[in-house]
Every structure is written in structure tokens, then in C-alpha cells.
Amino acid sequence: MHADEAETDVGLVGRLIAEQLPQWAALPIEPVTERGTDNILYRLGDEMVVRLPGRERPALALAKECAWLPKLAPLLPLPVPMPLALGRPRPAEGYPFPWAVYRWLEGDTATPQRVGDLRGAAADLAEFVAALQRIDATRGQAPGDHNVFRGVPLAERDDMTRAAIDGLPDDIDRDSLLEAWDAALAAPEWDRAAV
């Protein structure tokens, strides 16, 4: 997916598990075909997933995520991935980043074709975001090297966003995306406490 992405395979995952989490070494490992842009996923047995950051930036967020997801989970109306173990980098094995095992969340990637009730899904998402915003973040961690771009005014991301939209395939309505982006840029800046 990225030119600088770490290479992984079932064999590597098996060696990492056997060395660092031997209690799970006998479980089957299968690649997960649907994935995001930052992590490479492998099913571990029926109830877990191994998540290997593909690059340095998402790897920097892993320890923070493993610390905070269990604290946030009881405050949220939808299930979130629960970390079960944090693995160490193994440069000698060809994998330079920390990695983690999470409880598997059953489900499908949300697409308009798979979501039967789009309004209901939007309401669920809005409830989730509202619950996140209600959480007192005053003792939370500030952005780190892994996400210094978060929380900046949108205008600082304008060139990058327009370049990304321009690079999209022809079957995507770029004009609508640019219209939405321009509307976001025109919105008043956030002037309340950080969330």
C-alpha cells in the first residue's frame, strides 16, 4: 500500500507469536484481506487479530492506543478494539515496529451496499462521536510525533487535501468533494475546549 511499508506474512506473524506470546502459538493465522492504510492484519484463531503497523508513524501510536482504548471503551456506546497484548519489534526478523494483539470485532467493512439502514448507521455514528466529545480530555495525552497534524486548522491541510482529491480515480466525484472541503474551510474555527 505504501512504498516504505514493512513486509509481513503468516510466517513472520507465527514467529512473533511463538517467541513473544507462546500461549497462542498453536492458533491458526490467516491474513485479513480488507484493511486500512496504516496496519496489516492477521486473524489469530477465532477471537483475536494481530495488528502490525506498516510504517513508523502508526507504530508510534500503538502504545498510546493500547493504554487508552480500555479506559475509553466503557464510556462509548459501540464496541472498540480491545488490546490483549503488545509485542516488541524484531528487526532481526525483518519487522522493526511494536505490534499488538486485539480481540476480534465481528463485522463487515461499512459500505453503502452493506449498511441496510444508512440513517440508523449515521445516528449510531453521531452518538459515538458525541460520547467521545463528552469524555473529559484534560488528563489525556497531547498529540505526539505520530499525529502532529491532528488538531491544526483545516487551512494548514488545504494543499495536501486538494492534492489528494486531485489524485483520486475518475469514478469519484471530485467536484462534490471539493465543494464539501470548501464548506469545511469556510466553517468557523473551533473556539471551545479541546476534545
C-alpha atoms as a PDB file:
ATOM      1  CA  MET A   1       0.000   0.000   0.000  1.00  0.00           C
ATOM      2  CA  HIS A   2       2.914   2.369   0.783  1.00  0.00           C
ATOM      3  CA  ALA A   3       6.363   2.284  -0.766  1.00  0.00           C
ATOM      4  CA  ASP A   4       8.001   2.242   2.677  1.00  0.00           C
ATOM      5  CA  GLU A   5       5.651  -0.332   4.216  1.00  0.00           C
ATOM      6  CA  ALA A   6       7.135  -3.221   6.195  1.00  0.00           C
ATOM      7  CA  GLU A   7       6.722  -6.610   4.564  1.00  0.00           C
ATOM      8  CA  THR A   8       4.815  -9.188   6.568  1.00  0.00           C
ATOM      9  CA  ASP A   9       3.445 -12.672   6.034  1.00  0.00           C
ATOM     10  CA  VAL A  10       1.900 -15.513   8.004  1.00  0.00           C
ATOM     11  CA  GLY A  11       5.350 -16.956   8.727  1.00  0.00           C
ATOM     12  CA  LEU A  12       6.579 -13.728  10.307  1.00  0.00           C
ATOM     13  CA  VAL A  13       3.446 -13.413  12.429  1.00  0.00           C
ATOM     14  CA  GLY A  14       3.811 -17.027  13.535  1.00  0.00           C
ATOM     15  CA  ARG A  15       7.422 -16.436  14.601  1.00  0.00           C
ATOM     16  CA  LEU A  16       6.498 -13.251  16.515  1.00  0.00           C
ATOM     17  CA  ILE A  17       3.667 -15.046  18.323  1.00  0.00           C
ATOM     18  CA  ALA A  18       5.766 -18.144  19.098  1.00  0.00           C
ATOM     19  CA  GLU A  19       8.600 -16.066  20.523  1.00  0.00           C
ATOM     20  CA  GLN A  20       6.647 -13.441  22.448  1.00  0.00           C
ATOM     21  CA  LEU A  21       3.198 -14.931  23.114  1.00  0.00           C
ATOM     22  CA  PRO A  22       3.757 -18.696  23.127  1.00  0.00           C
ATOM     23  CA  GLN A  23       0.385 -19.383  24.772  1.00  0.00           C
ATOM     24  CA  TRP A  24      -1.172 -18.589  21.365  1.00  0.00           C
ATOM     25  CA  ALA A  25       1.450 -20.261  19.149  1.00  0.00           C
ATOM     26  CA  ALA A  26      -0.806 -23.205  18.202  1.00  0.00           C
ATOM     27  CA  LEU A  27      -3.634 -20.991  16.902  1.00  0.00           C
ATOM     28  CA  PRO A  28      -4.148 -20.668  13.135  1.00  0.00           C
ATOM     29  CA  ILE A  29      -3.078 -17.425  11.462  1.00  0.00           C
ATOM     30  CA  GLU A  30      -4.773 -16.024   8.359  1.00  0.00           C
ATOM     31  CA  PRO A  31      -4.300 -12.677   6.577  1.00  0.00           C
ATOM     32  CA  VAL A  32      -7.238 -10.250   6.696  1.00  0.00           C
ATOM     33  CA  THR A  33      -7.830  -9.045   3.152  1.00  0.00           C
ATOM     34  CA  GLU A  34      -9.766  -5.880   3.960  1.00  0.00           C
ATOM     35  CA  ARG A  35      -7.587  -3.372   5.753  1.00  0.00           C
ATOM     36  CA  GLY A  36      -6.882   0.281   6.297  1.00  0.00           C
ATOM     37  CA  THR A  37      -3.850   2.194   5.128  1.00  0.00           C
ATOM     38  CA  ASP A  38      -1.763   2.029   8.309  1.00  0.00           C
ATOM     39  CA  ASN A  39      -1.915  -1.538   9.617  1.00  0.00           C
ATOM     40  CA  ILE A  40      -1.561  -5.080   8.320  1.00  0.00           C
ATOM     41  CA  LEU A  41      -3.973  -7.502   9.975  1.00  0.00           C
ATOM     42  CA  TYR A  42      -3.892 -11.260  10.603  1.00  0.00           C
ATOM     43  CA  ARG A  43      -6.593 -13.331  12.295  1.00  0.00           C
ATOM     44  CA  LEU A  44      -5.250 -15.299  15.232  1.00  0.00           C
ATOM     45  CA  GLY A  45      -7.620 -18.132  15.973  1.00  0.00           C
ATOM     46  CA  ASP A  46     -11.310 -17.235  16.026  1.00  0.00           C
ATOM     47  CA  GLU A  47     -11.276 -14.461  18.610  1.00  0.00           C
ATOM     48  CA  MET A  48      -8.169 -12.347  18.034  1.00  0.00           C
ATOM     49  CA  VAL A  49      -6.407 -10.247  15.438  1.00  0.00           C
ATOM     50  CA  VAL A  50      -2.729  -9.379  15.160  1.00  0.00           C
ATOM     51  CA  ARG A  51      -2.173  -5.802  14.099  1.00  0.00           C
ATOM     52  CA  LEU A  52       1.185  -4.879  12.631  1.00  0.00           C
ATOM     53  CA  PRO A  53       1.773  -1.215  11.805  1.00  0.00           C
ATOM     54  CA  GLY A  54       3.079  -0.997   8.274  1.00  0.00           C
ATOM     55  CA  ARG A  55       5.098   2.159   8.827  1.00  0.00           C
ATOM     56  CA  GLU A  56       6.742   4.158  11.604  1.00  0.00           C
ATOM     57  CA  ARG A  57       4.038   6.803  12.137  1.00  0.00           C
ATOM     58  CA  PRO A  58       1.207   4.385  13.025  1.00  0.00           C
ATOM     59  CA  ALA A  59       3.683   2.349  15.090  1.00  0.00           C
ATOM     60  CA  LEU A  60       4.321   5.398  17.287  1.00  0.00           C
ATOM     61  CA  ALA A  61       0.635   5.491  18.257  1.00  0.00           C
ATOM     62  CA  LEU A  62       0.341   1.833  19.231  1.00  0.00           C
ATOM     63  CA  ALA A  63       1.402   2.027  22.906  1.00  0.00           C
ATOM     64  CA  LYS A  64      -0.832   5.054  23.472  1.00  0.00           C
ATOM     65  CA  GLU A  65      -3.751   3.260  21.856  1.00  0.00           C
ATOM     66  CA  CYS A  66      -3.196   0.122  23.924  1.00  0.00           C
ATOM     67  CA  ALA A  67      -3.183   2.235  27.094  1.00  0.00           C
ATOM     68  CA  TRP A  68      -6.253   4.331  26.257  1.00  0.00           C
ATOM     69  CA  LEU A  69      -8.700   2.001  24.491  1.00  0.00           C
ATOM     70  CA  PRO A  70      -9.508   0.058  27.708  1.00  0.00           C
ATOM     71  CA  LYS A  71     -10.155   3.371  29.509  1.00  0.00           C
ATOM     72  CA  LEU A  72     -12.390   4.725  26.733  1.00  0.00           C
ATOM     73  CA  ALA A  73     -14.332   1.527  25.987  1.00  0.00           C
ATOM     74  CA  PRO A  74     -16.751   1.694  28.965  1.00  0.00           C
ATOM     75  CA  LEU A  75     -17.617   5.287  28.078  1.00  0.00           C
ATOM     76  CA  LEU A  76     -18.595   4.545  24.476  1.00  0.00           C
ATOM     77  CA  PRO A  77     -21.872   3.196  23.051  1.00  0.00           C
ATOM     78  CA  LEU A  78     -20.235   0.897  20.480  1.00  0.00           C
ATOM     79  CA  PRO A  79     -17.546  -1.752  20.920  1.00  0.00           C
ATOM     80  CA  VAL A  80     -13.963  -0.723  20.246  1.00  0.00           C
ATOM     81  CA  PRO A  81     -10.936  -2.955  19.644  1.00  0.00           C
ATOM     82  CA  MET A  82      -9.591  -4.184  22.980  1.00  0.00           C
ATOM     83  CA  PRO A  83      -5.839  -4.768  23.168  1.00  0.00           C
ATOM     84  CA  LEU A  84      -4.796  -8.084  24.687  1.00  0.00           C
ATOM     85  CA  ALA A  85      -1.016  -7.925  24.272  1.00  0.00           C
ATOM     86  CA  LEU A  86       1.665  -5.572  22.987  1.00  0.00           C
ATOM     87  CA  GLY A  87       4.554  -7.155  21.080  1.00  0.00           C
ATOM     88  CA  ARG A  88       8.112  -5.918  20.731  1.00  0.00           C
ATOM     89  CA  PRO A  89       9.862  -5.019  17.466  1.00  0.00           C
ATOM     90  CA  ARG A  90      12.039  -7.739  15.941  1.00  0.00           C
ATOM     91  CA  PRO A  91      14.426  -6.103  13.462  1.00  0.00           C
ATOM     92  CA  ALA A  92      16.331  -9.395  13.134  1.00  0.00           C
ATOM     93  CA  GLU A  93      13.090 -10.955  11.853  1.00  0.00           C
ATOM     94  CA  GLY A  94      12.637  -8.086   9.405  1.00  0.00           C
ATOM     95  CA  TYR A  95       9.919  -6.372  11.433  1.00  0.00           C
ATOM     96  CA  PRO A  96      11.070  -3.099  13.088  1.00  0.00           C
ATOM     97  CA  PHE A  97       7.916  -1.923  14.896  1.00  0.00           C
ATOM     98  CA  PRO A  98       5.935  -2.770  18.015  1.00  0.00           C
ATOM     99  CA  TRP A  99       2.765  -4.727  17.227  1.00  0.00           C
ATOM    100  CA  ALA A 100      -0.327  -5.793  19.139  1.00  0.00           C
ATOM    101  CA  VAL A 101      -2.974  -8.463  19.527  1.00  0.00           C
ATOM    102  CA  TYR A 102      -6.583  -7.311  19.907  1.00  0.00           C
ATOM    103  CA  ARG A 103      -9.887  -9.024  20.488  1.00  0.00           C
ATOM    104  CA  TRP A 104     -11.571  -9.602  17.096  1.00  0.00           C
ATOM    105  CA  LEU A 105     -14.654  -7.472  16.454  1.00  0.00           C
ATOM    106  CA  GLU A 106     -17.034  -9.379  14.208  1.00  0.00           C
ATOM    107  CA  GLY A 107     -18.485  -7.367  11.344  1.00  0.00           C
ATOM    108  CA  ASP A 108     -18.058  -6.159   7.796  1.00  0.00           C
ATOM    109  CA  THR A 109     -16.482  -3.083   6.309  1.00  0.00           C
ATOM    110  CA  ALA A 110     -19.182  -0.422   6.183  1.00  0.00           C
ATOM    111  CA  THR A 111     -20.183   0.360   2.598  1.00  0.00           C
ATOM    112  CA  PRO A 112     -23.481   1.754   1.330  1.00  0.00           C
ATOM    113  CA  GLN A 113     -24.254  -1.693  -0.103  1.00  0.00           C
ATOM    114  CA  ARG A 114     -23.670  -3.470   3.215  1.00  0.00           C
ATOM    115  CA  VAL A 115     -25.366  -0.966   5.520  1.00  0.00           C
ATOM    116  CA  GLY A 116     -29.096  -1.562   5.255  1.00  0.00           C
ATOM    117  CA  ASP A 117     -30.164   1.456   7.312  1.00  0.00           C
ATOM    118  CA  LEU A 118     -27.945   4.416   6.416  1.00  0.00           C
ATOM    119  CA  ARG A 119     -29.880   6.820   8.672  1.00  0.00           C
ATOM    120  CA  GLY A 120     -29.599   4.428  11.594  1.00  0.00           C
ATOM    121  CA  ALA A 121     -25.870   3.971  10.957  1.00  0.00           C
ATOM    122  CA  ALA A 122     -25.422   7.759  10.804  1.00  0.00           C
ATOM    123  CA  ALA A 123     -27.319   8.134  14.091  1.00  0.00           C
ATOM    124  CA  ASP A 124     -25.139   5.442  15.719  1.00  0.00           C
ATOM    125  CA  LEU A 125     -22.003   7.175  14.485  1.00  0.00           C
ATOM    126  CA  ALA A 126     -23.245  10.556  15.728  1.00  0.00           C
ATOM    127  CA  GLU A 127     -23.984   9.031  19.148  1.00  0.00           C
ATOM    128  CA  PHE A 128     -20.464   7.552  19.220  1.00  0.00           C
ATOM    129  CA  VAL A 129     -18.818  10.880  18.311  1.00  0.00           C
ATOM    130  CA  ALA A 130     -20.971  12.729  20.866  1.00  0.00           C
ATOM    131  CA  ALA A 131     -19.917  10.212  23.545  1.00  0.00           C
ATOM    132  CA  LEU A 132     -16.259  10.763  22.616  1.00  0.00           C
ATOM    133  CA  GLN A 133     -16.723  14.511  22.897  1.00  0.00           C
ATOM    134  CA  ARG A 134     -18.268  14.161  26.377  1.00  0.00           C
ATOM    135  CA  ILE A 135     -15.164  12.437  27.728  1.00  0.00           C
ATOM    136  CA  ASP A 136     -13.021  14.750  29.859  1.00  0.00           C
ATOM    137  CA  ALA A 137      -9.768  15.003  27.913  1.00  0.00           C
ATOM    138  CA  THR A 138      -7.945  17.319  30.310  1.00  0.00           C
ATOM    139  CA  ARG A 139      -5.727  14.499  31.619  1.00  0.00           C
ATOM    140  CA  GLY A 140      -5.308  12.880  28.221  1.00  0.00           C
ATOM    141  CA  GLN A 141      -2.119  12.823  26.254  1.00  0.00           C
ATOM    142  CA  ALA A 142      -1.274  15.605  23.836  1.00  0.00           C
ATOM    143  CA  PRO A 143      -0.558  14.779  20.201  1.00  0.00           C
ATOM    144  CA  GLY A 144       2.835  13.221  19.649  1.00  0.00           C
ATOM    145  CA  ASP A 145       5.178  12.712  16.723  1.00  0.00           C
ATOM    146  CA  HIS A 146       2.734  10.197  15.269  1.00  0.00           C
ATOM    147  CA  ASN A 147      -0.091  12.717  14.834  1.00  0.00           C
ATOM    148  CA  VAL A 148       1.289  16.253  14.960  1.00  0.00           C
ATOM    149  CA  PHE A 149      -1.033  17.129  12.076  1.00  0.00           C
ATOM    150  CA  ARG A 150      -4.153  16.479  14.190  1.00  0.00           C
ATOM    151  CA  GLY A 151      -5.939  19.456  15.652  1.00  0.00           C
ATOM    152  CA  VAL A 152      -4.417  22.015  13.315  1.00  0.00           C
ATOM    153  CA  PRO A 153      -6.646  24.494  11.478  1.00  0.00           C
ATOM    154  CA  LEU A 154      -8.000  22.974   8.270  1.00  0.00           C
ATOM    155  CA  ALA A 155      -6.385  25.726   6.222  1.00  0.00           C
ATOM    156  CA  GLU A 156      -2.997  24.193   7.104  1.00  0.00           C
ATOM    157  CA  ARG A 157      -4.101  20.991   5.373  1.00  0.00           C
ATOM    158  CA  ASP A 158      -5.588  22.662   2.303  1.00  0.00           C
ATOM    159  CA  ASP A 159      -2.779  21.979  -0.192  1.00  0.00           C
ATOM    160  CA  MET A 160      -2.408  18.349   0.909  1.00  0.00           C
ATOM    161  CA  THR A 161      -6.170  17.751   0.787  1.00  0.00           C
ATOM    162  CA  ARG A 162      -6.607  19.288  -2.652  1.00  0.00           C
ATOM    163  CA  ALA A 163      -3.688  17.228  -3.980  1.00  0.00           C
ATOM    164  CA  ALA A 164      -5.253  14.051  -2.540  1.00  0.00           C
ATOM    165  CA  ILE A 165      -8.637  14.853  -4.085  1.00  0.00           C
ATOM    166  CA  ASP A 166      -6.994  15.621  -7.413  1.00  0.00           C
ATOM    167  CA  GLY A 167      -5.269  12.234  -7.338  1.00  0.00           C
ATOM    168  CA  LEU A 168      -8.474  10.232  -6.876  1.00  0.00           C
ATOM    169  CA  PRO A 169      -9.732   7.903  -9.620  1.00  0.00           C
ATOM    170  CA  ASP A 170     -12.145   9.269 -12.218  1.00  0.00           C
ATOM    171  CA  ASP A 171     -15.133   7.336 -10.838  1.00  0.00           C
ATOM    172  CA  ILE A 172     -15.106   9.508  -7.694  1.00  0.00           C
ATOM    173  CA  ASP A 173     -16.991  12.797  -7.798  1.00  0.00           C
ATOM    174  CA  ARG A 174     -14.114  15.190  -7.121  1.00  0.00           C
ATOM    175  CA  ASP A 175     -16.266  18.283  -7.602  1.00  0.00           C
ATOM    176  CA  SER A 176     -18.535  17.219  -4.730  1.00  0.00           C
ATOM    177  CA  LEU A 177     -15.522  16.510  -2.538  1.00  0.00           C
ATOM    178  CA  LEU A 178     -14.022  19.916  -3.308  1.00  0.00           C
ATOM    179  CA  GLU A 179     -17.376  21.547  -2.553  1.00  0.00           C
ATOM    180  CA  ALA A 180     -17.517  19.785   0.813  1.00  0.00           C
ATOM    181  CA  TRP A 181     -13.891  20.710   1.543  1.00  0.00           C
ATOM    182  CA  ASP A 182     -14.523  24.375   0.693  1.00  0.00           C
ATOM    183  CA  ALA A 183     -17.554  24.359   3.009  1.00  0.00           C
ATOM    184  CA  ALA A 184     -15.400  22.907   5.793  1.00  0.00           C
ATOM    185  CA  LEU A 185     -12.767  25.594   5.239  1.00  0.00           C
ATOM    186  CA  ALA A 186     -15.456  28.281   5.449  1.00  0.00           C
ATOM    187  CA  ALA A 187     -16.779  26.996   8.798  1.00  0.00           C
ATOM    188  CA  PRO A 188     -15.821  29.000  11.870  1.00  0.00           C
ATOM    189  CA  GLU A 189     -12.730  27.783  13.727  1.00  0.00           C
ATOM    190  CA  TRP A 190     -13.243  25.773  16.917  1.00  0.00           C
ATOM    191  CA  ASP A 191     -13.133  28.176  19.856  1.00  0.00           C
ATOM    192  CA  ARG A 192     -14.040  25.852  22.722  1.00  0.00           C
ATOM    193  CA  ALA A 193     -12.037  23.482  24.892  1.00  0.00           C
ATOM    194  CA  ALA A 194     -10.103  20.726  23.169  1.00  0.00           C
ATOM    195  CA  VAL A 195     -11.938  17.416  22.793  1.00  0.00           C
END
